[in-house]
Structure formats: C-alpha cells, structure tokens
Amino acid sequence: MSPSEYSVPVPSDRTAILCLHCGKPQEVGRKAMSVTCKFCSKSLRLEDVKITRYEARRVIETCGTGTIDKKGHVVSDVRCVSLNLQGKLKGDVVSLGKVEVATNAELKGDVTATSMNVQPGAMLEGNYSIGPRVNGAPPDKAPIARANGEEAQPAPVPVEEAAPEPRGESQSIGSAPVIKIPVRKRVPTARH
C-alpha cells in the first residue's frame, strides 16, 4: 500500500480522555467510539449516552455525557464525565465533571462529582461528595480536597435519641431505645 491509500491519525485528530476506572489520562482518536485503557485494560465507551425510556442495568459507563430525558427512568449506577438528569435515576453517580439536575427530576443515590447544579423543584436523596479530587485518584475512591489542599474528612451525622417516656402499666415492651431518624420530604415550590 502506498501512503496515499491509507490514513494515519495525526496529533490534531486526537483527544485526551480520563479513564473512568483508574483515572489516568490518555490520548485517543477523535472519531473512536470505544477503546481499551492502556493502563488498566478496561473497556471505555467514548460516545455520549442518551436515555429516553425505562432502563435497568448494572452500570452505565461513558467517557462522554450521560443524558436522562424527562421520560427516562434509570435504575442503575452511572459513571460518566458529565451527567444531565431531567428524568428519574435510582443509583449511585460517579462523575469526573459536573452533574446537572433539572426541575422535577428525581435522584436517589450517592453522588460523587467535581460540581453539581440543582434546579428548584428537583428531588434528591443520598450522600453527596462534591469537589476536586486529591492526587488525581479515581473519583469513587478519592477523598475531596479542601481549598488549602488538605484532605477533607466527612462530618459525622449525629443521631438523636428520644427522651424515655414514663412507662404505664399497659406497656410491656422491652427497654429498647427509640431513635429519631430524619425523613427526607419533597418541598413544593411555587410554579409560575
């Protein structure tokens, strides 16, 4: 074959990505749809994912943008570079970039991301770890960095015990303590 019969990608035809599994950067062809990480040998999907209906999977992974439309209902963990949620998602989210939650969207699960934008009227439930990662570690395993570069420690959540009520003769329940657990509720917002 002569050089005019085949095309070798030039550096301007390449783009840099971060592996969702090991967090290491690498260059790939701009038109590639999937690649294998040269560091951890895991398969990486490079194209954007758009979900417009019900889907239940073990995990949805993409090195692009994940979009869940208004009619989309996903029961799965999501690993992506950025997420745009307009429908319902039940599962954990690990994003290397931003997570956007639109009005009337529902997100039930833990979120790890560098930034998060939540519109009024969205329903959230779970734990949120938002901010830059320490030492470029994979986002699901890396702690959050503070502004001064130190590692942030998660704050313990206090559990309040109810004061013991006086026992009447009709109560024959054992001496188990009563624990109050806060319940998350959706707060209605004004519609215009």
C-alpha atoms as a PDB file:
ATOM      1  CA  MET A   1       0.000   0.000   0.000  1.00  0.00           C
ATOM      2  CA  SER A   2       1.233   3.430  -0.799  1.00  0.00           C
ATOM      3  CA  PRO A   3       0.918   6.243   1.766  1.00  0.00           C
ATOM      4  CA  SER A   4      -1.845   7.890  -0.267  1.00  0.00           C
ATOM      5  CA  GLU A   5      -4.092   4.821   0.142  1.00  0.00           C
ATOM      6  CA  TYR A   6      -4.338   4.847   3.933  1.00  0.00           C
ATOM      7  CA  SER A   7      -4.707   7.493   6.617  1.00  0.00           C
ATOM      8  CA  VAL A   8      -2.737   7.593   9.856  1.00  0.00           C
ATOM      9  CA  PRO A   9      -4.205   9.856  12.567  1.00  0.00           C
ATOM     10  CA  VAL A  10      -2.190  12.989  13.141  1.00  0.00           C
ATOM     11  CA  PRO A  11      -1.917  14.604  16.603  1.00  0.00           C
ATOM     12  CA  SER A  12      -4.632  17.176  15.744  1.00  0.00           C
ATOM     13  CA  ASP A  13      -7.024  14.251  15.157  1.00  0.00           C
ATOM     14  CA  ARG A  14      -6.653  13.019  18.742  1.00  0.00           C
ATOM     15  CA  THR A  15      -8.298  13.956  22.020  1.00  0.00           C
ATOM     16  CA  ALA A  16      -7.405  13.346  25.660  1.00  0.00           C
ATOM     17  CA  ILE A  17      -9.717  11.388  27.991  1.00  0.00           C
ATOM     18  CA  LEU A  18      -9.589  10.181  31.586  1.00  0.00           C
ATOM     19  CA  CYS A  19     -10.206   6.523  32.350  1.00  0.00           C
ATOM     20  CA  LEU A  20     -13.352   6.053  34.462  1.00  0.00           C
ATOM     21  CA  HIS A  21     -11.723   3.161  36.345  1.00  0.00           C
ATOM     22  CA  CYS A  22      -8.109   4.157  37.044  1.00  0.00           C
ATOM     23  CA  GLY A  23      -8.358   7.942  36.489  1.00  0.00           C
ATOM     24  CA  LYS A  24      -5.281   8.114  34.234  1.00  0.00           C
ATOM     25  CA  PRO A  25      -5.272  10.355  31.137  1.00  0.00           C
ATOM     26  CA  GLN A  26      -4.602   9.032  27.650  1.00  0.00           C
ATOM     27  CA  GLU A  27      -4.921  10.132  24.039  1.00  0.00           C
ATOM     28  CA  VAL A  28      -7.429   8.503  21.715  1.00  0.00           C
ATOM     29  CA  GLY A  29      -8.615   9.124  18.176  1.00  0.00           C
ATOM     30  CA  ARG A  30     -11.264  11.835  17.944  1.00  0.00           C
ATOM     31  CA  LYS A  31     -13.639   9.578  15.960  1.00  0.00           C
ATOM     32  CA  ALA A  32     -13.209   6.497  18.160  1.00  0.00           C
ATOM     33  CA  MET A  33     -16.387   5.144  19.768  1.00  0.00           C
ATOM     34  CA  SER A  34     -14.723   2.811  22.278  1.00  0.00           C
ATOM     35  CA  VAL A  35     -11.193   1.983  23.384  1.00  0.00           C
ATOM     36  CA  THR A  36      -9.375  -0.151  25.933  1.00  0.00           C
ATOM     37  CA  CYS A  37      -7.480   1.684  28.668  1.00  0.00           C
ATOM     38  CA  LYS A  38      -3.762   1.119  28.186  1.00  0.00           C
ATOM     39  CA  PHE A  39      -3.178   1.280  31.959  1.00  0.00           C
ATOM     40  CA  CYS A  40      -5.935  -0.876  33.484  1.00  0.00           C
ATOM     41  CA  SER A  41      -7.103  -2.755  30.320  1.00  0.00           C
ATOM     42  CA  LYS A  42     -10.791  -1.941  30.926  1.00  0.00           C
ATOM     43  CA  SER A  43     -13.144  -1.140  28.071  1.00  0.00           C
ATOM     44  CA  LEU A  44     -14.160   2.526  27.737  1.00  0.00           C
ATOM     45  CA  ARG A  45     -17.157   3.819  25.783  1.00  0.00           C
ATOM     46  CA  LEU A  46     -16.413   7.280  24.363  1.00  0.00           C
ATOM     47  CA  GLU A  47     -19.740   8.281  22.839  1.00  0.00           C
ATOM     48  CA  ASP A  48     -22.498  10.198  24.625  1.00  0.00           C
ATOM     49  CA  VAL A  49     -25.379   8.195  26.110  1.00  0.00           C
ATOM     50  CA  LYS A  50     -28.976   9.446  25.902  1.00  0.00           C
ATOM     51  CA  ILE A  51     -31.752   7.568  27.686  1.00  0.00           C
ATOM     52  CA  THR A  52     -35.375   8.340  26.832  1.00  0.00           C
ATOM     53  CA  ARG A  53     -37.213   5.367  28.414  1.00  0.00           C
ATOM     54  CA  TYR A  54     -37.012   2.916  31.319  1.00  0.00           C
ATOM     55  CA  GLU A  55     -33.686   1.101  31.633  1.00  0.00           C
ATOM     56  CA  ALA A  56     -32.413  -1.147  34.394  1.00  0.00           C
ATOM     57  CA  ARG A  57     -28.783  -2.203  34.165  1.00  0.00           C
ATOM     58  CA  ARG A  58     -25.918  -2.968  36.465  1.00  0.00           C
ATOM     59  CA  VAL A  59     -23.935   0.134  35.388  1.00  0.00           C
ATOM     60  CA  ILE A  60     -23.981   2.754  32.633  1.00  0.00           C
ATOM     61  CA  GLU A  61     -20.490   3.954  31.724  1.00  0.00           C
ATOM     62  CA  THR A  62     -19.329   6.535  29.209  1.00  0.00           C
ATOM     63  CA  CYS A  63     -16.367   8.867  28.795  1.00  0.00           C
ATOM     64  CA  GLY A  64     -18.844  11.365  27.338  1.00  0.00           C
ATOM     65  CA  THR A  65     -22.027  12.997  28.579  1.00  0.00           C
ATOM     66  CA  GLY A  66     -24.860  10.950  30.034  1.00  0.00           C
ATOM     67  CA  THR A  67     -28.339  12.418  29.473  1.00  0.00           C
ATOM     68  CA  ILE A  68     -31.546  11.105  31.024  1.00  0.00           C
ATOM     69  CA  ASP A  69     -34.565  12.784  29.401  1.00  0.00           C
ATOM     70  CA  LYS A  70     -37.833  13.730  31.121  1.00  0.00           C
ATOM     71  CA  LYS A  71     -39.410  10.381  30.235  1.00  0.00           C
ATOM     72  CA  GLY A  72     -36.243   8.489  31.103  1.00  0.00           C
ATOM     73  CA  HIS A  73     -36.292   6.294  34.218  1.00  0.00           C
ATOM     74  CA  VAL A  74     -32.989   4.598  35.065  1.00  0.00           C
ATOM     75  CA  VAL A  75     -32.313   2.043  37.785  1.00  0.00           C
ATOM     76  CA  SER A  76     -28.550   1.713  37.550  1.00  0.00           C
ATOM     77  CA  ASP A  77     -25.233   3.119  38.720  1.00  0.00           C
ATOM     78  CA  VAL A  78     -23.845   5.778  36.374  1.00  0.00           C
ATOM     79  CA  ARG A  79     -20.164   6.511  35.706  1.00  0.00           C
ATOM     80  CA  CYS A  80     -19.528   9.356  33.261  1.00  0.00           C
ATOM     81  CA  VAL A  81     -17.671  12.585  32.570  1.00  0.00           C
ATOM     82  CA  SER A  82     -20.817  14.702  32.962  1.00  0.00           C
ATOM     83  CA  LEU A  83     -24.477  13.937  33.666  1.00  0.00           C
ATOM     84  CA  ASN A  84     -27.606  15.862  32.663  1.00  0.00           C
ATOM     85  CA  LEU A  85     -30.603  14.492  34.594  1.00  0.00           C
ATOM     86  CA  GLN A  86     -34.128  15.544  33.617  1.00  0.00           C
ATOM     87  CA  GLY A  87     -35.986  12.324  34.495  1.00  0.00           C
ATOM     88  CA  LYS A  88     -35.595   9.756  37.289  1.00  0.00           C
ATOM     89  CA  LEU A  89     -32.431   7.996  38.410  1.00  0.00           C
ATOM     90  CA  LYS A  90     -32.114   5.427  41.188  1.00  0.00           C
ATOM     91  CA  GLY A  91     -28.467   4.509  41.659  1.00  0.00           C
ATOM     92  CA  ASP A  92     -25.071   5.935  42.519  1.00  0.00           C
ATOM     93  CA  VAL A  93     -23.429   8.535  40.269  1.00  0.00           C
ATOM     94  CA  VAL A  94     -19.676   8.970  39.803  1.00  0.00           C
ATOM     95  CA  SER A  95     -18.889  11.892  37.509  1.00  0.00           C
ATOM     96  CA  LEU A  96     -15.473  13.271  36.567  1.00  0.00           C
ATOM     97  CA  GLY A  97     -17.135  16.610  35.772  1.00  0.00           C
ATOM     98  CA  LYS A  98     -20.448  18.241  36.555  1.00  0.00           C
ATOM     99  CA  VAL A  99     -23.853  16.807  37.395  1.00  0.00           C
ATOM    100  CA  GLU A 100     -26.916  18.865  36.424  1.00  0.00           C
ATOM    101  CA  VAL A 101     -30.297  18.025  37.936  1.00  0.00           C
ATOM    102  CA  ALA A 102     -33.262  19.756  36.254  1.00  0.00           C
ATOM    103  CA  THR A 103     -36.595  20.829  37.724  1.00  0.00           C
ATOM    104  CA  ASN A 104     -38.915  17.866  38.508  1.00  0.00           C
ATOM    105  CA  ALA A 105     -36.024  15.387  38.211  1.00  0.00           C
ATOM    106  CA  GLU A 106     -35.535  12.711  40.896  1.00  0.00           C
ATOM    107  CA  LEU A 107     -32.148  11.430  42.030  1.00  0.00           C
ATOM    108  CA  LYS A 108     -31.970   8.670  44.648  1.00  0.00           C
ATOM    109  CA  GLY A 109     -28.415   7.584  45.328  1.00  0.00           C
ATOM    110  CA  ASP A 110     -24.956   8.762  46.280  1.00  0.00           C
ATOM    111  CA  VAL A 111     -23.228  11.327  44.036  1.00  0.00           C
ATOM    112  CA  THR A 112     -19.502  11.924  43.602  1.00  0.00           C
ATOM    113  CA  ALA A 113     -18.643  14.785  41.244  1.00  0.00           C
ATOM    114  CA  THR A 114     -16.488  17.885  40.858  1.00  0.00           C
ATOM    115  CA  SER A 115     -19.537  20.169  40.650  1.00  0.00           C
ATOM    116  CA  MET A 116     -23.310  19.880  40.905  1.00  0.00           C
ATOM    117  CA  ASN A 117     -26.119  22.161  39.714  1.00  0.00           C
ATOM    118  CA  VAL A 118     -29.602  21.501  41.133  1.00  0.00           C
ATOM    119  CA  GLN A 119     -32.659  23.385  39.866  1.00  0.00           C
ATOM    120  CA  PRO A 120     -35.530  24.279  42.230  1.00  0.00           C
ATOM    121  CA  GLY A 121     -38.166  21.547  42.429  1.00  0.00           C
ATOM    122  CA  ALA A 122     -35.750  18.634  41.988  1.00  0.00           C
ATOM    123  CA  MET A 123     -35.947  15.778  44.491  1.00  0.00           C
ATOM    124  CA  LEU A 124     -32.639  14.492  45.897  1.00  0.00           C
ATOM    125  CA  GLU A 125     -31.922  11.666  48.298  1.00  0.00           C
ATOM    126  CA  GLY A 126     -28.493  10.336  49.199  1.00  0.00           C
ATOM    127  CA  ASN A 127     -24.955  11.388  50.136  1.00  0.00           C
ATOM    128  CA  TYR A 128     -23.086  13.952  48.050  1.00  0.00           C
ATOM    129  CA  SER A 129     -19.329  14.286  47.687  1.00  0.00           C
ATOM    130  CA  ILE A 130     -18.715  17.381  45.571  1.00  0.00           C
ATOM    131  CA  GLY A 131     -15.327  18.974  44.838  1.00  0.00           C
ATOM    132  CA  PRO A 132     -11.927  18.327  43.240  1.00  0.00           C
ATOM    133  CA  ARG A 133     -10.185  15.011  43.920  1.00  0.00           C
ATOM    134  CA  VAL A 134      -6.956  14.561  45.866  1.00  0.00           C
ATOM    135  CA  ASN A 135      -3.876  13.475  43.845  1.00  0.00           C
ATOM    136  CA  GLY A 136      -5.875  12.599  40.696  1.00  0.00           C
ATOM    137  CA  ALA A 137      -7.152   9.318  42.176  1.00  0.00           C
ATOM    138  CA  PRO A 138     -10.228   7.643  40.681  1.00  0.00           C
ATOM    139  CA  PRO A 139     -13.264   9.711  41.713  1.00  0.00           C
ATOM    140  CA  ASP A 140     -15.110   6.924  43.524  1.00  0.00           C
ATOM    141  CA  LYS A 141     -12.094   6.217  45.759  1.00  0.00           C
ATOM    142  CA  ALA A 142     -10.565   9.684  46.145  1.00  0.00           C
ATOM    143  CA  PRO A 143     -11.349  11.971  49.044  1.00  0.00           C
ATOM    144  CA  ILE A 144     -12.463  15.551  48.443  1.00  0.00           C
ATOM    145  CA  ALA A 145      -9.781  18.270  48.563  1.00  0.00           C
ATOM    146  CA  ARG A 146     -10.248  21.431  50.603  1.00  0.00           C
ATOM    147  CA  ALA A 147      -9.319  24.898  49.340  1.00  0.00           C
ATOM    148  CA  ASN A 148      -5.936  24.747  51.110  1.00  0.00           C
ATOM    149  CA  GLY A 149      -5.124  21.358  49.540  1.00  0.00           C
ATOM    150  CA  GLU A 150      -5.757  19.271  52.663  1.00  0.00           C
ATOM    151  CA  GLU A 151      -7.897  16.183  52.601  1.00  0.00           C
ATOM    152  CA  ALA A 152     -11.449  16.812  53.818  1.00  0.00           C
ATOM    153  CA  GLN A 153     -12.838  14.456  56.424  1.00  0.00           C
ATOM    154  CA  PRO A 154     -16.529  13.576  56.275  1.00  0.00           C
ATOM    155  CA  ALA A 155     -18.507  15.082  59.144  1.00  0.00           C
ATOM    156  CA  PRO A 156     -20.228  12.572  61.418  1.00  0.00           C
ATOM    157  CA  VAL A 157     -24.020  12.739  61.421  1.00  0.00           C
ATOM    158  CA  PRO A 158     -25.421  12.969  64.944  1.00  0.00           C
ATOM    159  CA  VAL A 159     -28.282  10.655  65.864  1.00  0.00           C
ATOM    160  CA  GLU A 160     -30.670  11.963  68.470  1.00  0.00           C
ATOM    161  CA  GLU A 161     -32.150   9.601  70.979  1.00  0.00           C
ATOM    162  CA  ALA A 162     -35.634  10.345  72.248  1.00  0.00           C
ATOM    163  CA  ALA A 163     -36.130  11.027  75.916  1.00  0.00           C
ATOM    164  CA  PRO A 164     -37.518   7.967  77.696  1.00  0.00           C
ATOM    165  CA  GLU A 165     -41.255   8.152  78.221  1.00  0.00           C
ATOM    166  CA  PRO A 166     -42.749   7.133  81.541  1.00  0.00           C
ATOM    167  CA  ARG A 167     -43.980   3.562  81.397  1.00  0.00           C
ATOM    168  CA  GLY A 168     -47.532   2.840  82.102  1.00  0.00           C
ATOM    169  CA  GLU A 169     -48.955  -0.459  83.248  1.00  0.00           C
ATOM    170  CA  SER A 170     -50.243  -1.149  79.720  1.00  0.00           C
ATOM    171  CA  GLN A 171     -46.736  -1.063  78.163  1.00  0.00           C
ATOM    172  CA  SER A 172     -44.917  -4.358  78.224  1.00  0.00           C
ATOM    173  CA  ILE A 173     -42.280  -3.591  75.566  1.00  0.00           C
ATOM    174  CA  GLY A 174     -38.616  -4.222  76.357  1.00  0.00           C
ATOM    175  CA  SER A 175     -36.210  -1.400  77.142  1.00  0.00           C
ATOM    176  CA  ALA A 176     -35.121  -0.742  73.542  1.00  0.00           C
ATOM    177  CA  PRO A 177     -34.143   2.910  72.931  1.00  0.00           C
ATOM    178  CA  VAL A 178     -36.177   4.911  70.452  1.00  0.00           C
ATOM    179  CA  ILE A 179     -34.090   6.600  67.761  1.00  0.00           C
ATOM    180  CA  LYS A 180     -35.397   9.504  65.680  1.00  0.00           C
ATOM    181  CA  ILE A 181     -34.308   9.329  62.060  1.00  0.00           C
ATOM    182  CA  PRO A 182     -34.846  12.385  59.856  1.00  0.00           C
ATOM    183  CA  VAL A 183     -37.072  11.691  56.845  1.00  0.00           C
ATOM    184  CA  ARG A 184     -36.432  13.486  53.579  1.00  0.00           C
ATOM    185  CA  LYS A 185     -39.510  15.036  52.027  1.00  0.00           C
ATOM    186  CA  ARG A 186     -40.066  16.864  48.790  1.00  0.00           C
ATOM    187  CA  VAL A 187     -40.700  20.533  49.399  1.00  0.00           C
ATOM    188  CA  PRO A 188     -43.220  22.005  46.942  1.00  0.00           C
ATOM    189  CA  THR A 189     -42.050  25.108  45.115  1.00  0.00           C
ATOM    190  CA  ALA A 190     -44.165  27.837  43.585  1.00  0.00           C
ATOM    191  CA  ARG A 191     -44.955  27.307  39.920  1.00  0.00           C
ATOM    192  CA  HIS A 192     -45.185  30.303  37.619  1.00  0.00           C
END
